[in-house]
Amino acid sequence: MSCLPRHKGRCGGPGGDRGLYKSADSGKTWKSVLTISENTGVNDVIIDPSNPDVMYASAYQRRRHVWTMIDGGPESAIYKSTDAGANWNKLKSGLPTEEMGKIGLAISPTDPNLIYATIEAANKKGGIFRSRDRGATWEKRNDFDQGAMYYANLYVDPKNPDRIYVMNTFIQISDDGGKTPA
């Protein structure tokens, strides 16, 4: 199984093949498995290392024009599938209720219950979030909202689930589960 997030379409307009696509034949054919709208694509996908049927995807509503950029909206969200992408549920508990922008996701390779998200959100409600129960509930760990258009990459240390790396112009490192970036 392969999954491919896509933002294809005109840069300044709606349309294209936005969403998440899945291939069951090594990429020969692709099927849409998560479509939000003509204005929203999927920018990050993570798979549970202990169960490949469990997947998380972040949707990013955006539109770039010559004169402005719409960077987020009500369609930006985190989704979870427990059946290899056949069905998706929007995760909400503990996540910002404000409009969100780009969202980066990471899952701990040593503790798949532990998921991190770097979330861009309106009214300073973004930051680093963590779930200890496979995405059912989330807690905000800090206010570090990097304006994530280019920098929503997040990684969990392969041995220490409390050590995370947030890619930015400079790498931010936290050794306490995102509570304090260094």
N, C-alpha and C. Protein backbone atom coordinates (compact mmCIF):
# COMPACT_ATOMS: atom_id res chain seq x y z
N MET A 1 0.83 -1.16 0.00
CA MET A 1 0.00 0.00 0.00
C MET A 1 0.88 1.23 0.00
N SER A 2 0.52 2.21 -0.81
CA SER A 2 1.20 3.49 -0.83
C SER A 2 0.14 4.57 -0.73
N CYS A 3 0.50 5.70 -0.12
CA CYS A 3 -0.40 6.84 -0.07
C CYS A 3 0.33 8.05 -0.58
N LEU A 4 -0.38 8.93 -1.26
CA LEU A 4 0.22 10.09 -1.88
C LEU A 4 -0.66 11.30 -1.64
N PRO A 5 -0.19 12.30 -0.85
CA PRO A 5 -0.95 13.53 -0.71
C PRO A 5 -0.75 14.37 -1.97
N ARG A 6 -1.81 15.06 -2.40
CA ARG A 6 -1.70 15.84 -3.63
C ARG A 6 -2.33 17.20 -3.47
N HIS A 7 -1.69 18.19 -4.08
CA HIS A 7 -2.21 19.56 -4.13
C HIS A 7 -2.36 20.01 -5.57
N LYS A 8 -2.39 19.11 -6.52
CA LYS A 8 -2.41 19.45 -7.93
C LYS A 8 -3.59 20.36 -8.25
N GLY A 9 -3.36 21.30 -9.12
CA GLY A 9 -4.40 22.23 -9.54
C GLY A 9 -3.77 23.57 -9.81
N ARG A 10 -4.59 24.50 -10.30
CA ARG A 10 -4.08 25.84 -10.55
C ARG A 10 -3.67 26.47 -9.23
N CYS A 11 -2.51 27.10 -9.22
CA CYS A 11 -1.98 27.67 -7.98
C CYS A 11 -2.92 28.74 -7.41
N GLY A 12 -3.53 29.55 -8.26
CA GLY A 12 -4.36 30.65 -7.79
C GLY A 12 -5.83 30.35 -7.76
N GLY A 13 -6.24 29.10 -7.97
CA GLY A 13 -7.67 28.82 -8.02
C GLY A 13 -8.01 27.47 -7.44
N PRO A 14 -9.28 27.18 -7.39
CA PRO A 14 -9.73 25.89 -6.88
C PRO A 14 -9.54 24.79 -7.91
N GLY A 15 -9.81 23.58 -7.50
CA GLY A 15 -9.83 22.48 -8.45
C GLY A 15 -8.61 21.59 -8.35
N GLY A 16 -8.44 20.81 -9.37
CA GLY A 16 -7.33 19.87 -9.37
C GLY A 16 -7.69 18.61 -8.63
N ASP A 17 -6.69 17.85 -8.33
CA ASP A 17 -6.87 16.56 -7.67
C ASP A 17 -6.42 16.62 -6.23
N ARG A 18 -6.95 17.55 -5.47
CA ARG A 18 -6.52 17.72 -4.09
C ARG A 18 -7.08 16.60 -3.22
N GLY A 19 -6.30 16.19 -2.24
CA GLY A 19 -6.74 15.15 -1.32
C GLY A 19 -5.67 14.10 -1.12
N LEU A 20 -6.08 12.94 -0.64
CA LEU A 20 -5.17 11.83 -0.39
C LEU A 20 -5.55 10.67 -1.30
N TYR A 21 -4.55 10.10 -1.94
CA TYR A 21 -4.75 9.00 -2.87
C TYR A 21 -4.01 7.77 -2.38
N LYS A 22 -4.57 6.60 -2.68
CA LYS A 22 -3.99 5.34 -2.24
C LYS A 22 -3.81 4.42 -3.44
N SER A 23 -2.70 3.71 -3.43
CA SER A 23 -2.44 2.70 -4.45
C SER A 23 -2.25 1.35 -3.78
N ALA A 24 -2.89 0.34 -4.31
CA ALA A 24 -2.73 -1.02 -3.80
C ALA A 24 -1.92 -1.88 -4.77
N ASP A 25 -1.39 -1.26 -5.85
CA ASP A 25 -0.64 -2.01 -6.85
C ASP A 25 0.70 -1.34 -7.19
N SER A 26 1.39 -0.91 -6.14
CA SER A 26 2.72 -0.31 -6.27
C SER A 26 2.74 0.93 -7.15
N GLY A 27 1.66 1.69 -7.14
CA GLY A 27 1.63 2.97 -7.84
C GLY A 27 1.14 2.92 -9.27
N LYS A 28 0.69 1.79 -9.75
CA LYS A 28 0.17 1.72 -11.12
C LYS A 28 -1.15 2.47 -11.24
N THR A 29 -2.00 2.31 -10.25
CA THR A 29 -3.27 3.04 -10.22
C THR A 29 -3.45 3.67 -8.84
N TRP A 30 -4.21 4.76 -8.82
CA TRP A 30 -4.44 5.49 -7.58
C TRP A 30 -5.93 5.74 -7.41
N LYS A 31 -6.38 5.67 -6.15
CA LYS A 31 -7.78 5.91 -5.81
C LYS A 31 -7.84 6.99 -4.74
N SER A 32 -8.73 7.95 -4.91
CA SER A 32 -8.93 8.98 -3.90
C SER A 32 -9.55 8.36 -2.65
N VAL A 33 -8.93 8.59 -1.48
CA VAL A 33 -9.47 8.04 -0.24
C VAL A 33 -9.86 9.13 0.76
N LEU A 34 -9.38 10.37 0.55
CA LEU A 34 -9.76 11.48 1.43
C LEU A 34 -9.80 12.75 0.60
N THR A 35 -10.99 13.23 0.35
CA THR A 35 -11.19 14.47 -0.38
C THR A 35 -12.00 15.41 0.50
N ILE A 36 -11.48 16.62 0.69
CA ILE A 36 -12.18 17.59 1.53
C ILE A 36 -12.93 18.58 0.65
N SER A 37 -12.21 19.28 -0.24
CA SER A 37 -12.85 20.21 -1.17
C SER A 37 -11.85 20.61 -2.26
N GLU A 38 -12.32 21.41 -3.18
CA GLU A 38 -11.46 21.89 -4.27
C GLU A 38 -10.43 22.92 -3.78
N ASN A 39 -10.54 23.37 -2.54
CA ASN A 39 -9.62 24.35 -1.97
C ASN A 39 -8.68 23.76 -0.92
N THR A 40 -8.84 22.47 -0.61
CA THR A 40 -8.10 21.87 0.50
C THR A 40 -7.41 20.59 0.06
N GLY A 41 -6.11 20.54 0.32
CA GLY A 41 -5.33 19.34 0.01
C GLY A 41 -4.89 18.66 1.28
N VAL A 42 -4.17 17.58 1.13
CA VAL A 42 -3.59 16.85 2.25
C VAL A 42 -2.09 17.06 2.18
N ASN A 43 -1.50 17.54 3.27
CA ASN A 43 -0.07 17.85 3.22
C ASN A 43 0.80 16.91 4.04
N ASP A 44 0.24 16.17 4.96
CA ASP A 44 1.07 15.28 5.78
C ASP A 44 0.29 14.01 6.08
N VAL A 45 0.97 12.88 6.00
CA VAL A 45 0.38 11.58 6.30
C VAL A 45 1.38 10.80 7.14
N ILE A 46 0.91 10.23 8.24
CA ILE A 46 1.76 9.35 9.05
C ILE A 46 1.03 8.04 9.26
N ILE A 47 1.80 6.97 9.38
CA ILE A 47 1.24 5.63 9.55
C ILE A 47 1.76 5.06 10.87
N ASP A 48 0.86 4.48 11.63
CA ASP A 48 1.22 3.87 12.91
C ASP A 48 2.23 2.74 12.65
N PRO A 49 3.42 2.80 13.27
CA PRO A 49 4.43 1.77 13.02
C PRO A 49 4.05 0.39 13.54
N SER A 50 3.06 0.32 14.45
CA SER A 50 2.65 -0.97 14.98
C SER A 50 1.42 -1.54 14.27
N ASN A 51 0.76 -0.71 13.45
CA ASN A 51 -0.45 -1.15 12.76
C ASN A 51 -0.64 -0.29 11.51
N PRO A 52 -0.27 -0.80 10.34
CA PRO A 52 -0.35 0.02 9.12
C PRO A 52 -1.76 0.38 8.69
N ASP A 53 -2.78 -0.19 9.31
CA ASP A 53 -4.16 0.20 9.01
C ASP A 53 -4.53 1.53 9.67
N VAL A 54 -3.74 1.96 10.66
CA VAL A 54 -4.00 3.22 11.36
C VAL A 54 -3.15 4.32 10.74
N MET A 55 -3.84 5.33 10.22
CA MET A 55 -3.18 6.43 9.53
C MET A 55 -3.76 7.75 10.01
N TYR A 56 -2.92 8.79 9.94
CA TYR A 56 -3.33 10.14 10.27
C TYR A 56 -2.97 11.03 9.09
N ALA A 57 -3.81 11.99 8.80
CA ALA A 57 -3.55 12.92 7.69
C ALA A 57 -3.95 14.32 8.11
N SER A 58 -3.18 15.31 7.67
CA SER A 58 -3.56 16.69 7.93
C SER A 58 -3.99 17.35 6.63
N ALA A 59 -5.11 18.02 6.71
CA ALA A 59 -5.67 18.75 5.57
C ALA A 59 -5.30 20.22 5.70
N TYR A 60 -4.99 20.85 4.57
CA TYR A 60 -4.53 22.24 4.56
C TYR A 60 -5.33 23.02 3.52
N GLN A 61 -6.19 23.91 4.01
CA GLN A 61 -6.96 24.78 3.13
C GLN A 61 -6.09 25.98 2.79
N ARG A 62 -5.83 26.19 1.49
CA ARG A 62 -4.97 27.31 1.10
C ARG A 62 -5.26 27.69 -0.33
N ARG A 63 -4.91 28.93 -0.64
CA ARG A 63 -5.02 29.44 -1.99
C ARG A 63 -4.02 30.57 -2.14
N ARG A 64 -3.17 30.51 -3.14
CA ARG A 64 -2.20 31.58 -3.37
C ARG A 64 -2.62 32.38 -4.60
N HIS A 65 -2.62 33.69 -4.40
CA HIS A 65 -2.87 34.63 -5.50
C HIS A 65 -1.65 35.54 -5.61
N VAL A 66 -1.56 36.28 -6.68
CA VAL A 66 -0.47 37.23 -6.84
C VAL A 66 -0.53 38.28 -5.73
N TRP A 67 -1.72 38.70 -5.35
CA TRP A 67 -1.89 39.78 -4.40
C TRP A 67 -2.05 39.33 -2.95
N THR A 68 -2.27 38.05 -2.71
CA THR A 68 -2.45 37.58 -1.34
C THR A 68 -2.37 36.06 -1.26
N MET A 69 -2.40 35.56 -0.06
CA MET A 69 -2.48 34.11 0.14
C MET A 69 -3.49 33.81 1.22
N ILE A 70 -4.39 32.89 0.93
CA ILE A 70 -5.31 32.38 1.94
C ILE A 70 -4.60 31.19 2.57
N ASP A 71 -4.21 31.35 3.82
CA ASP A 71 -3.37 30.37 4.50
C ASP A 71 -4.13 29.74 5.64
N GLY A 72 -5.04 28.84 5.30
CA GLY A 72 -5.83 28.17 6.31
C GLY A 72 -7.29 28.50 6.19
N GLY A 73 -8.07 27.85 7.01
CA GLY A 73 -9.51 28.06 7.02
C GLY A 73 -10.20 26.94 7.76
N PRO A 74 -11.53 26.91 7.70
CA PRO A 74 -12.28 25.93 8.48
C PRO A 74 -12.08 24.48 8.01
N GLU A 75 -11.51 24.27 6.82
CA GLU A 75 -11.31 22.92 6.32
C GLU A 75 -9.97 22.32 6.72
N SER A 76 -9.05 23.12 7.27
CA SER A 76 -7.79 22.58 7.77
C SER A 76 -8.08 21.76 9.03
N ALA A 77 -7.55 20.53 9.07
CA ALA A 77 -7.90 19.64 10.18
C ALA A 77 -6.97 18.43 10.20
N ILE A 78 -7.10 17.62 11.25
CA ILE A 78 -6.41 16.34 11.35
C ILE A 78 -7.45 15.23 11.26
N TYR A 79 -7.15 14.23 10.44
CA TYR A 79 -8.04 13.10 10.24
C TYR A 79 -7.35 11.81 10.64
N LYS A 80 -8.15 10.80 11.02
CA LYS A 80 -7.61 9.49 11.39
C LYS A 80 -8.42 8.39 10.69
N SER A 81 -7.71 7.38 10.20
CA SER A 81 -8.33 6.19 9.63
C SER A 81 -7.81 4.97 10.39
N THR A 82 -8.70 4.03 10.67
CA THR A 82 -8.30 2.78 11.32
C THR A 82 -8.47 1.58 10.39
N ASP A 83 -8.83 1.86 9.13
CA ASP A 83 -9.06 0.78 8.17
C ASP A 83 -8.29 1.02 6.86
N ALA A 84 -7.02 1.41 7.02
CA ALA A 84 -6.11 1.60 5.88
C ALA A 84 -6.59 2.66 4.89
N GLY A 85 -7.30 3.66 5.37
CA GLY A 85 -7.70 4.77 4.53
C GLY A 85 -9.07 4.65 3.89
N ALA A 86 -9.82 3.60 4.19
CA ALA A 86 -11.16 3.46 3.60
C ALA A 86 -12.13 4.50 4.18
N ASN A 87 -12.01 4.78 5.48
CA ASN A 87 -12.88 5.75 6.16
C ASN A 87 -12.02 6.65 7.03
N TRP A 88 -12.45 7.91 7.18
CA TRP A 88 -11.68 8.90 7.94
C TRP A 88 -12.57 9.63 8.91
N ASN A 89 -12.04 9.91 10.11
CA ASN A 89 -12.74 10.69 11.12
C ASN A 89 -11.92 11.92 11.44
N LYS A 90 -12.60 13.06 11.54
CA LYS A 90 -11.94 14.32 11.89
C LYS A 90 -11.70 14.34 13.40
N LEU A 91 -10.46 14.62 13.79
CA LEU A 91 -10.10 14.71 15.21
C LEU A 91 -10.32 16.13 15.70
N LYS A 92 -10.87 16.29 16.90
CA LYS A 92 -11.20 17.63 17.38
C LYS A 92 -10.81 17.89 18.84
N SER A 93 -10.93 16.90 19.70
CA SER A 93 -10.81 17.11 21.14
C SER A 93 -9.44 17.65 21.53
N GLY A 94 -9.43 18.90 22.00
CA GLY A 94 -8.20 19.55 22.44
C GLY A 94 -7.46 20.32 21.36
N LEU A 95 -7.91 20.23 20.12
CA LEU A 95 -7.27 20.97 19.02
C LEU A 95 -7.89 22.37 18.93
N PRO A 96 -7.20 23.32 18.29
CA PRO A 96 -7.74 24.68 18.21
C PRO A 96 -9.13 24.70 17.56
N THR A 97 -10.00 25.53 18.10
CA THR A 97 -11.32 25.73 17.50
C THR A 97 -11.27 26.89 16.51
N GLU A 98 -10.19 27.65 16.55
CA GLU A 98 -9.96 28.72 15.57
C GLU A 98 -9.63 28.08 14.22
N GLU A 99 -9.69 28.87 13.16
CA GLU A 99 -9.28 28.36 11.85
C GLU A 99 -7.80 28.03 11.88
N MET A 100 -7.48 26.85 11.35
CA MET A 100 -6.10 26.38 11.34
C MET A 100 -5.51 26.53 9.95
N GLY A 101 -4.18 26.57 9.90
CA GLY A 101 -3.44 26.61 8.65
C GLY A 101 -2.78 25.27 8.43
N LYS A 102 -1.51 25.31 8.10
CA LYS A 102 -0.78 24.08 7.83
C LYS A 102 -0.50 23.34 9.13
N ILE A 103 -0.56 22.00 9.06
CA ILE A 103 -0.37 21.15 10.22
C ILE A 103 0.67 20.09 9.87
N GLY A 104 1.70 19.98 10.70
CA GLY A 104 2.69 18.92 10.55
C GLY A 104 2.44 17.85 11.60
N LEU A 105 2.64 16.59 11.23
CA LEU A 105 2.36 15.48 12.13
C LEU A 105 3.58 14.58 12.29
N ALA A 106 3.69 13.97 13.46
CA ALA A 106 4.73 12.97 13.71
C ALA A 106 4.21 11.98 14.75
N ILE A 107 4.60 10.72 14.57
CA ILE A 107 4.21 9.67 15.52
C ILE A 107 5.49 9.06 16.09
N SER A 108 5.46 8.72 17.35
CA SER A 108 6.64 8.13 17.98
C SER A 108 6.85 6.71 17.48
N PRO A 109 8.06 6.40 16.98
CA PRO A 109 8.32 5.03 16.54
C PRO A 109 8.37 4.03 17.70
N THR A 110 8.65 4.52 18.91
CA THR A 110 8.73 3.62 20.06
C THR A 110 7.45 3.57 20.88
N ASP A 111 6.56 4.53 20.70
CA ASP A 111 5.29 4.57 21.42
C ASP A 111 4.22 5.13 20.49
N PRO A 112 3.55 4.29 19.69
CA PRO A 112 2.58 4.78 18.73
C PRO A 112 1.33 5.41 19.33
N ASN A 113 1.19 5.35 20.66
CA ASN A 113 0.11 6.10 21.30
C ASN A 113 0.39 7.60 21.27
N LEU A 114 1.65 7.96 21.09
CA LEU A 114 2.12 9.34 21.20
C LEU A 114 2.24 9.98 19.81
N ILE A 115 1.43 11.02 19.58
CA ILE A 115 1.42 11.73 18.31
C ILE A 115 1.62 13.21 18.61
N TYR A 116 2.42 13.85 17.77
CA TYR A 116 2.67 15.29 17.90
C TYR A 116 2.14 16.00 16.66
N ALA A 117 1.77 17.27 16.85
CA ALA A 117 1.35 18.11 15.73
C ALA A 117 1.89 19.52 15.95
N THR A 118 2.41 20.11 14.89
CA THR A 118 2.72 21.54 14.91
C THR A 118 1.62 22.20 14.10
N ILE A 119 0.90 23.12 14.72
CA ILE A 119 -0.32 23.66 14.12
C ILE A 119 -0.22 25.17 14.02
N GLU A 120 -0.49 25.65 12.83
CA GLU A 120 -0.63 27.08 12.58
C GLU A 120 -2.12 27.39 12.77
N ALA A 121 -2.46 28.39 13.59
CA ALA A 121 -3.86 28.70 13.83
C ALA A 121 -4.05 30.19 14.07
N ALA A 122 -5.25 30.67 13.80
CA ALA A 122 -5.60 32.08 13.97
C ALA A 122 -5.58 32.46 15.45
N ASN A 123 -5.46 33.76 15.69
CA ASN A 123 -5.56 34.35 17.02
C ASN A 123 -4.60 33.73 18.04
N LYS A 124 -3.42 33.37 17.57
CA LYS A 124 -2.35 32.83 18.43
C LYS A 124 -2.76 31.55 19.17
N LYS A 125 -3.62 30.76 18.54
CA LYS A 125 -4.06 29.51 19.15
C LYS A 125 -3.27 28.30 18.65
N GLY A 126 -2.30 28.53 17.77
CA GLY A 126 -1.47 27.44 17.26
C GLY A 126 -0.37 27.08 18.23
N GLY A 127 0.46 26.14 17.83
CA GLY A 127 1.58 25.72 18.65
C GLY A 127 1.89 24.26 18.46
N ILE A 128 2.58 23.70 19.44
CA ILE A 128 2.90 22.27 19.44
C ILE A 128 1.85 21.56 20.30
N PHE A 129 1.23 20.53 19.73
CA PHE A 129 0.20 19.76 20.41
C PHE A 129 0.65 18.31 20.52
N ARG A 130 0.16 17.62 21.54
CA ARG A 130 0.51 16.21 21.73
C ARG A 130 -0.73 15.42 22.14
N SER A 131 -0.80 14.20 21.59
CA SER A 131 -1.83 13.25 21.99
C SER A 131 -1.14 12.03 22.57
N ARG A 132 -1.63 11.56 23.70
CA ARG A 132 -1.09 10.35 24.34
C ARG A 132 -1.99 9.14 24.10
N ASP A 133 -3.10 9.36 23.36
CA ASP A 133 -4.08 8.29 23.18
C ASP A 133 -4.46 8.12 21.70
N ARG A 134 -3.44 8.13 20.85
CA ARG A 134 -3.63 7.89 19.41
C ARG A 134 -4.58 8.88 18.75
N GLY A 135 -4.53 10.13 19.20
CA GLY A 135 -5.30 11.19 18.56
C GLY A 135 -6.68 11.43 19.12
N ALA A 136 -7.12 10.65 20.09
CA ALA A 136 -8.47 10.84 20.65
C ALA A 136 -8.59 12.19 21.34
N THR A 137 -7.56 12.57 22.12
CA THR A 137 -7.54 13.88 22.78
C THR A 137 -6.15 14.49 22.59
N TRP A 138 -6.10 15.81 22.60
CA TRP A 138 -4.85 16.54 22.37
C TRP A 138 -4.67 17.57 23.47
N GLU A 139 -3.42 17.86 23.79
CA GLU A 139 -3.11 18.94 24.72
C GLU A 139 -2.09 19.87 24.05
N LYS A 140 -2.28 21.16 24.28
CA LYS A 140 -1.33 22.13 23.76
C LYS A 140 -0.11 22.13 24.68
N ARG A 141 1.07 21.95 24.08
CA ARG A 141 2.31 21.89 24.86
C ARG A 141 3.00 23.24 24.94
N ASN A 142 2.95 24.03 23.86
CA ASN A 142 3.51 25.38 23.89
C ASN A 142 2.94 26.20 22.74
N ASP A 143 3.28 27.48 22.72
CA ASP A 143 2.73 28.41 21.74
C ASP A 143 3.58 28.55 20.49
N PHE A 144 4.57 27.71 20.29
CA PHE A 144 5.47 27.87 19.15
C PHE A 144 4.73 27.61 17.85
N ASP A 145 4.27 28.70 17.22
CA ASP A 145 3.57 28.66 15.94
C ASP A 145 4.48 29.36 14.95
N GLN A 146 5.11 28.58 14.12
CA GLN A 146 6.18 29.10 13.29
C GLN A 146 5.71 29.70 11.97
N GLY A 147 4.40 29.89 11.78
CA GLY A 147 3.96 30.33 10.48
C GLY A 147 4.35 29.25 9.48
N ALA A 148 3.71 28.12 9.60
CA ALA A 148 4.21 26.84 9.11
C ALA A 148 4.11 26.60 7.61
N MET A 149 3.90 27.62 6.80
CA MET A 149 3.74 27.36 5.38
C MET A 149 4.87 26.50 4.82
N TYR A 150 6.09 26.80 5.18
CA TYR A 150 7.22 26.03 4.68
C TYR A 150 7.84 25.13 5.75
N TYR A 151 7.50 25.32 7.00
CA TYR A 151 8.23 24.67 8.08
C TYR A 151 7.37 23.79 8.97
N ALA A 152 6.46 23.04 8.43
CA ALA A 152 5.59 22.20 9.27
C ALA A 152 6.12 20.78 9.36
N ASN A 153 7.43 20.63 9.40
CA ASN A 153 8.01 19.30 9.51
C ASN A 153 8.38 19.03 10.96
N LEU A 154 7.95 17.90 11.44
CA LEU A 154 8.10 17.53 12.84
C LEU A 154 8.57 16.08 12.89
N TYR A 155 9.55 15.79 13.75
CA TYR A 155 10.08 14.44 13.87
C TYR A 155 10.22 14.07 15.33
N VAL A 156 9.95 12.80 15.64
CA VAL A 156 10.14 12.28 16.98
C VAL A 156 11.41 11.44 16.97
N ASP A 157 12.22 11.61 18.00
CA ASP A 157 13.45 10.86 18.14
C ASP A 157 13.15 9.35 18.08
N PRO A 158 13.95 8.56 17.38
CA PRO A 158 13.67 7.13 17.26
C PRO A 158 13.84 6.34 18.55
N LYS A 159 14.47 6.91 19.57
CA LYS A 159 14.65 6.19 20.84
C LYS A 159 13.96 6.86 22.02
N ASN A 160 13.81 8.19 21.97
CA ASN A 160 13.23 8.93 23.08
C ASN A 160 11.94 9.61 22.62
N PRO A 161 10.77 9.11 23.02
CA PRO A 161 9.51 9.67 22.55
C PRO A 161 9.21 11.08 23.03
N ASP A 162 9.95 11.58 24.03
CA ASP A 162 9.77 12.95 24.50
C ASP A 162 10.66 13.95 23.77
N ARG A 163 11.55 13.47 22.93
CA ARG A 163 12.45 14.36 22.19
C ARG A 163 11.89 14.55 20.78
N ILE A 164 11.54 15.81 20.47
CA ILE A 164 11.02 16.11 19.14
C ILE A 164 11.87 17.18 18.48
N TYR A 165 11.84 17.15 17.16
CA TYR A 165 12.58 18.10 16.34
C TYR A 165 11.57 18.82 15.45
N VAL A 166 11.59 20.14 15.48
CA VAL A 166 10.73 20.94 14.63
C VAL A 166 11.62 21.68 13.64
N MET A 167 11.41 21.39 12.35
CA MET A 167 12.24 22.01 11.32
C MET A 167 11.75 23.42 11.04
N ASN A 168 12.68 24.35 11.01
CA ASN A 168 12.40 25.75 10.76
C ASN A 168 13.66 26.29 10.10
N THR A 169 13.82 27.60 10.04
CA THR A 169 15.09 28.14 9.57
C THR A 169 16.21 27.58 10.45
N PHE A 170 15.91 27.48 11.73
CA PHE A 170 16.78 26.79 12.69
C PHE A 170 15.99 25.61 13.25
N ILE A 171 16.65 24.52 13.54
CA ILE A 171 15.96 23.36 14.11
C ILE A 171 15.64 23.65 15.57
N GLN A 172 14.39 23.44 15.93
CA GLN A 172 13.96 23.55 17.32
C GLN A 172 13.92 22.14 17.89
N ILE A 173 14.48 21.96 19.09
CA ILE A 173 14.50 20.65 19.73
C ILE A 173 13.86 20.77 21.11
N SER A 174 13.03 19.81 21.45
CA SER A 174 12.43 19.76 22.76
C SER A 174 12.70 18.39 23.37
N ASP A 175 13.13 18.38 24.61
CA ASP A 175 13.39 17.12 25.31
C ASP A 175 12.30 16.78 26.33
N ASP A 176 11.23 17.55 26.33
CA ASP A 176 10.14 17.29 27.28
C ASP A 176 8.78 17.21 26.58
N GLY A 177 8.78 16.53 25.44
CA GLY A 177 7.51 16.32 24.74
C GLY A 177 6.90 17.56 24.17
N GLY A 178 7.72 18.53 23.79
CA GLY A 178 7.23 19.74 23.16
C GLY A 178 6.82 20.85 24.13
N LYS A 179 7.00 20.61 25.42
CA LYS A 179 6.62 21.64 26.39
C LYS A 179 7.50 22.87 26.25
N THR A 180 8.80 22.65 26.09
CA THR A 180 9.72 23.78 25.90
C THR A 180 10.63 23.50 24.71
N PRO A 181 10.52 24.31 23.65
CA PRO A 181 11.45 24.15 22.55
C PRO A 181 12.79 24.78 22.91
N ALA A 182 13.87 24.18 22.44
CA ALA A 182 15.21 24.71 22.75
C ALA A 182 15.77 25.44 21.54
